[in-house]
Amino acid sequence: MSPRPRNAVPPTVTAVVAATTLTLAGCVATGPALVRVTPTRQPSAAPGHAATTAAPDPAAPDPGTIDQRDADAVSTAVLTTMWSIDTTADRDQRDAVLRAAGWLSPDYLADLRTAPRVGTDAAWTTWAAHRARTRPTLTAGRDTRPPDTATHAYRQWQLAVTPIGADGWRGRPLTMTAFVALHRDRRCAPWRVAAVTLR
């Protein structure tokens, strides 16, 4: 993960949060609004720190509270989880990205898991030196987007990510636009994120 200022998307993020296109069929059945999923936690060690299982990040959503038939709720949960980074436990941003596994389509998740893990850079080292965690905030984008269908939805969010150190240090916020594609195979199924593209 390579934290960068506005309009400079980190190379790792470009590789990790890559666009994937899926074509799925639909149906008209109905189902429960709330579905409990458990995004994968990848216990790991940041440089200079012992491996631990970090406590849940208060910024990340509780999977049991997400209405997975709501494309807004699912896309918000995925972005919040992907950008809730803890440098005391995460080796790089991919560890945070994979915690959103329960809300991702199988093909997209497979792509993320097989993407090469790249080394951390000076900015990550600075974050880790302060034992920083990130606090993402989302604002709905205003660009025109295609209308939702039974099986396809698209969302745009303005994403701001601020690293905050355990020692009180506060890093420069990253700001970017996130485009999220959501698919499901039938109307009764929960939404799954099939692509996240950052700009």
Protein backbone atom coordinates (compact mmCIF):
# COMPACT_ATOMS: atom_id res chain seq x y z
CA MET A 1 0.00 0.00 0.00
CA SER A 2 1.39 3.34 -0.99
CA PRO A 3 -0.37 6.27 0.64
CA ARG A 4 -0.29 9.23 -1.74
CA PRO A 5 -1.83 12.72 -1.83
CA ARG A 6 -4.92 13.69 -3.76
CA ASN A 7 -5.22 12.47 -7.36
CA ALA A 8 -2.32 10.04 -7.00
CA VAL A 9 -3.75 6.53 -6.58
CA PRO A 10 -1.20 4.22 -4.93
CA PRO A 11 0.24 1.53 -7.25
CA THR A 12 -0.65 -1.19 -4.76
CA VAL A 13 -4.24 0.00 -4.61
CA THR A 14 -4.44 0.01 -8.40
CA ALA A 15 -3.23 -3.59 -8.41
CA VAL A 16 -5.30 -4.72 -5.43
CA VAL A 17 -8.56 -2.90 -6.13
CA ALA A 18 -8.73 -3.85 -9.80
CA ALA A 19 -11.81 -3.71 -12.04
CA THR A 20 -13.52 -7.02 -12.80
CA THR A 21 -16.49 -7.44 -15.16
CA LEU A 22 -19.15 -10.06 -14.46
CA THR A 23 -22.34 -10.98 -16.29
CA LEU A 24 -24.96 -12.66 -14.13
CA ALA A 25 -28.55 -13.83 -14.61
CA GLY A 26 -31.58 -12.62 -12.63
CA CYS A 27 -34.74 -13.88 -10.88
CA VAL A 28 -37.73 -12.41 -9.06
CA ALA A 29 -37.75 -14.27 -5.74
CA THR A 30 -37.55 -12.39 -2.47
CA GLY A 31 -35.43 -13.05 0.59
CA PRO A 32 -34.43 -11.63 3.95
CA ALA A 33 -33.13 -8.08 4.02
CA LEU A 34 -30.34 -8.85 6.49
CA VAL A 35 -27.79 -11.56 5.80
CA ARG A 36 -24.93 -12.14 8.23
CA VAL A 37 -21.52 -12.51 6.62
CA THR A 38 -18.10 -12.55 8.19
CA PRO A 39 -15.43 -10.75 6.16
CA THR A 40 -12.09 -12.51 6.32
CA ARG A 41 -9.55 -11.20 8.81
CA GLN A 42 -5.96 -11.88 7.78
CA PRO A 43 -3.82 -11.74 10.96
CA SER A 44 -0.38 -10.55 9.93
CA ALA A 45 2.52 -8.49 11.06
CA ALA A 46 3.42 -4.99 9.97
CA PRO A 47 7.14 -4.32 9.58
CA GLY A 48 8.71 -4.14 13.01
CA HIS A 49 5.69 -5.55 14.83
CA ALA A 50 4.78 -9.02 16.03
CA ALA A 51 1.88 -10.81 14.41
CA THR A 52 -1.37 -10.25 16.30
CA THR A 53 -5.07 -10.53 15.81
CA ALA A 54 -6.18 -6.92 16.01
CA ALA A 55 -9.39 -5.95 17.74
CA PRO A 56 -12.23 -4.99 15.37
CA ASP A 57 -11.79 -1.49 14.01
CA PRO A 58 -14.63 0.76 15.24
CA ALA A 59 -14.66 2.43 11.81
CA ALA A 60 -15.43 -0.85 10.03
CA PRO A 61 -19.09 -1.91 9.79
CA ASP A 62 -20.61 -4.82 11.67
CA PRO A 63 -21.53 -7.38 8.97
CA GLY A 64 -24.73 -8.30 10.78
CA THR A 65 -26.07 -4.75 10.46
CA ILE A 66 -25.69 -4.44 6.67
CA ASP A 67 -28.83 -4.71 4.53
CA GLN A 68 -27.31 -6.63 1.63
CA ARG A 69 -30.26 -5.90 -0.65
CA ASP A 70 -29.25 -2.21 -0.43
CA ALA A 71 -26.51 -1.37 -2.95
CA ASP A 72 -25.65 1.82 -1.04
CA ALA A 73 -25.14 -0.12 2.21
CA VAL A 74 -23.01 -2.83 0.61
CA SER A 75 -20.79 -0.44 -1.36
CA THR A 76 -20.29 1.72 1.74
CA ALA A 77 -19.42 -1.33 3.86
CA VAL A 78 -16.86 -2.55 1.32
CA LEU A 79 -15.07 0.79 0.94
CA THR A 80 -15.08 1.43 4.68
CA THR A 81 -13.61 -2.02 5.35
CA MET A 82 -11.01 -1.82 2.58
CA TRP A 83 -9.74 1.50 3.90
CA SER A 84 -9.88 0.75 7.65
CA ILE A 85 -6.18 -0.07 7.92
CA ASP A 86 -4.27 -0.90 11.09
CA THR A 87 -0.51 -0.71 10.60
CA THR A 88 0.11 -2.59 13.85
CA ALA A 89 -1.46 -5.72 12.34
CA ASP A 90 -1.65 -5.24 8.55
CA ARG A 91 1.34 -5.86 6.31
CA ASP A 92 -0.15 -3.56 3.67
CA GLN A 93 -3.56 -2.51 2.41
CA ARG A 94 -4.36 -5.90 0.92
CA ASP A 95 -4.94 -7.27 4.42
CA ALA A 96 -7.69 -4.66 4.87
CA VAL A 97 -9.06 -5.30 1.38
CA LEU A 98 -9.45 -9.01 2.07
CA ARG A 99 -11.46 -8.31 5.23
CA ALA A 100 -14.26 -7.27 2.86
CA ALA A 101 -14.32 -10.80 1.37
CA GLY A 102 -17.86 -11.56 2.53
CA TRP A 103 -19.26 -8.73 0.38
CA LEU A 104 -17.24 -9.43 -2.79
CA SER A 105 -18.15 -11.52 -5.81
CA PRO A 106 -16.21 -14.82 -6.07
CA ASP A 107 -14.36 -13.76 -9.23
CA TYR A 108 -13.37 -10.38 -7.84
CA LEU A 109 -12.22 -11.92 -4.58
CA ALA A 110 -10.14 -14.48 -6.47
CA ASP A 111 -8.46 -11.68 -8.44
CA LEU A 112 -7.65 -9.78 -5.26
CA ARG A 113 -6.24 -12.85 -3.53
CA THR A 114 -3.92 -13.67 -6.43
CA ALA A 115 -2.71 -10.11 -7.06
CA PRO A 116 0.98 -9.76 -6.24
CA ARG A 117 1.78 -8.24 -2.87
CA VAL A 118 4.15 -5.34 -3.38
CA GLY A 119 6.56 -3.84 -0.89
CA THR A 120 5.66 -0.98 1.37
CA ASP A 121 7.07 2.48 0.73
CA ALA A 122 8.27 5.45 2.79
CA ALA A 123 4.74 6.68 3.45
CA TRP A 124 3.66 3.31 4.87
CA THR A 125 6.82 3.26 6.97
CA THR A 126 5.83 6.64 8.39
CA TRP A 127 2.34 5.37 9.17
CA ALA A 128 3.75 2.26 10.85
CA ALA A 129 6.23 4.30 12.89
CA HIS A 130 3.25 6.11 14.42
CA ARG A 131 1.27 2.84 14.75
CA ALA A 132 -1.39 4.53 12.66
CA ARG A 133 -4.87 3.40 11.79
CA THR A 134 -6.93 4.97 9.04
CA ARG A 135 -10.34 6.51 9.37
CA PRO A 136 -12.24 6.58 6.04
CA THR A 137 -15.18 8.91 5.34
CA LEU A 138 -17.53 8.63 2.37
CA THR A 139 -19.65 11.19 0.55
CA ALA A 140 -21.99 10.17 -2.26
CA GLY A 141 -20.78 11.19 -5.71
CA ARG A 142 -22.91 13.41 -7.93
CA ASP A 143 -22.07 12.12 -11.39
CA THR A 144 -24.83 10.59 -13.48
CA ARG A 145 -24.80 6.81 -13.28
CA PRO A 146 -26.78 4.04 -15.02
CA PRO A 147 -30.09 3.21 -13.35
CA ASP A 148 -30.16 0.12 -11.16
CA THR A 149 -31.55 -3.09 -12.59
CA ALA A 150 -32.53 -6.27 -10.76
CA THR A 151 -28.97 -7.58 -11.09
CA HIS A 152 -26.67 -4.58 -11.70
CA ALA A 153 -25.97 -1.42 -9.72
CA TYR A 154 -23.26 1.23 -9.78
CA ARG A 155 -22.24 3.65 -7.06
CA GLN A 156 -19.79 6.53 -6.87
CA TRP A 157 -18.29 7.77 -3.61
CA GLN A 158 -15.85 10.50 -2.67
CA LEU A 159 -13.44 8.76 -0.32
CA ALA A 160 -11.22 10.51 2.21
CA VAL A 161 -8.77 8.46 4.28
CA THR A 162 -6.94 9.98 7.26
CA PRO A 163 -4.11 8.13 9.06
CA ILE A 164 -4.16 8.72 12.82
CA GLY A 165 -1.27 7.53 14.98
CA ALA A 166 -1.51 5.96 18.41
CA ASP A 167 0.84 8.73 19.53
CA GLY A 168 -1.53 11.50 18.44
CA TRP A 169 0.10 12.03 15.04
CA ARG A 170 -2.29 12.84 12.21
CA GLY A 171 -1.18 12.32 8.61
CA ARG A 172 -2.24 14.07 5.46
CA PRO A 173 -5.62 12.77 4.23
CA LEU A 174 -5.83 10.87 0.96
CA THR A 175 -8.78 11.82 -1.24
CA MET A 176 -10.04 9.92 -4.26
CA THR A 177 -13.18 8.98 -6.18
CA ALA A 178 -14.29 5.36 -5.89
CA PHE A 179 -16.48 3.74 -8.55
CA VAL A 180 -18.18 0.57 -7.34
CA ALA A 181 -19.90 -2.01 -9.55
CA LEU A 182 -22.33 -4.37 -7.81
CA HIS A 183 -23.90 -7.51 -9.25
CA ARG A 184 -26.14 -10.31 -8.09
CA ASP A 185 -27.46 -13.34 -9.93
CA ARG A 186 -31.15 -12.78 -9.12
CA ARG A 187 -33.37 -10.23 -7.42
CA CYS A 188 -33.59 -12.25 -4.20
CA ALA A 189 -29.81 -12.50 -3.80
CA PRO A 190 -27.63 -10.11 -1.79
CA TRP A 191 -25.55 -7.56 -3.68
CA ARG A 192 -21.87 -8.37 -4.14
CA VAL A 193 -19.19 -5.92 -5.23
CA ALA A 194 -17.67 -7.01 -8.55
CA ALA A 195 -15.26 -4.10 -9.05
CA VAL A 196 -13.81 -1.07 -7.29
CA THR A 197 -12.01 1.48 -9.43
CA LEU A 198 -10.24 4.47 -7.86
CA ARG A 199 -9.48 7.79 -9.49
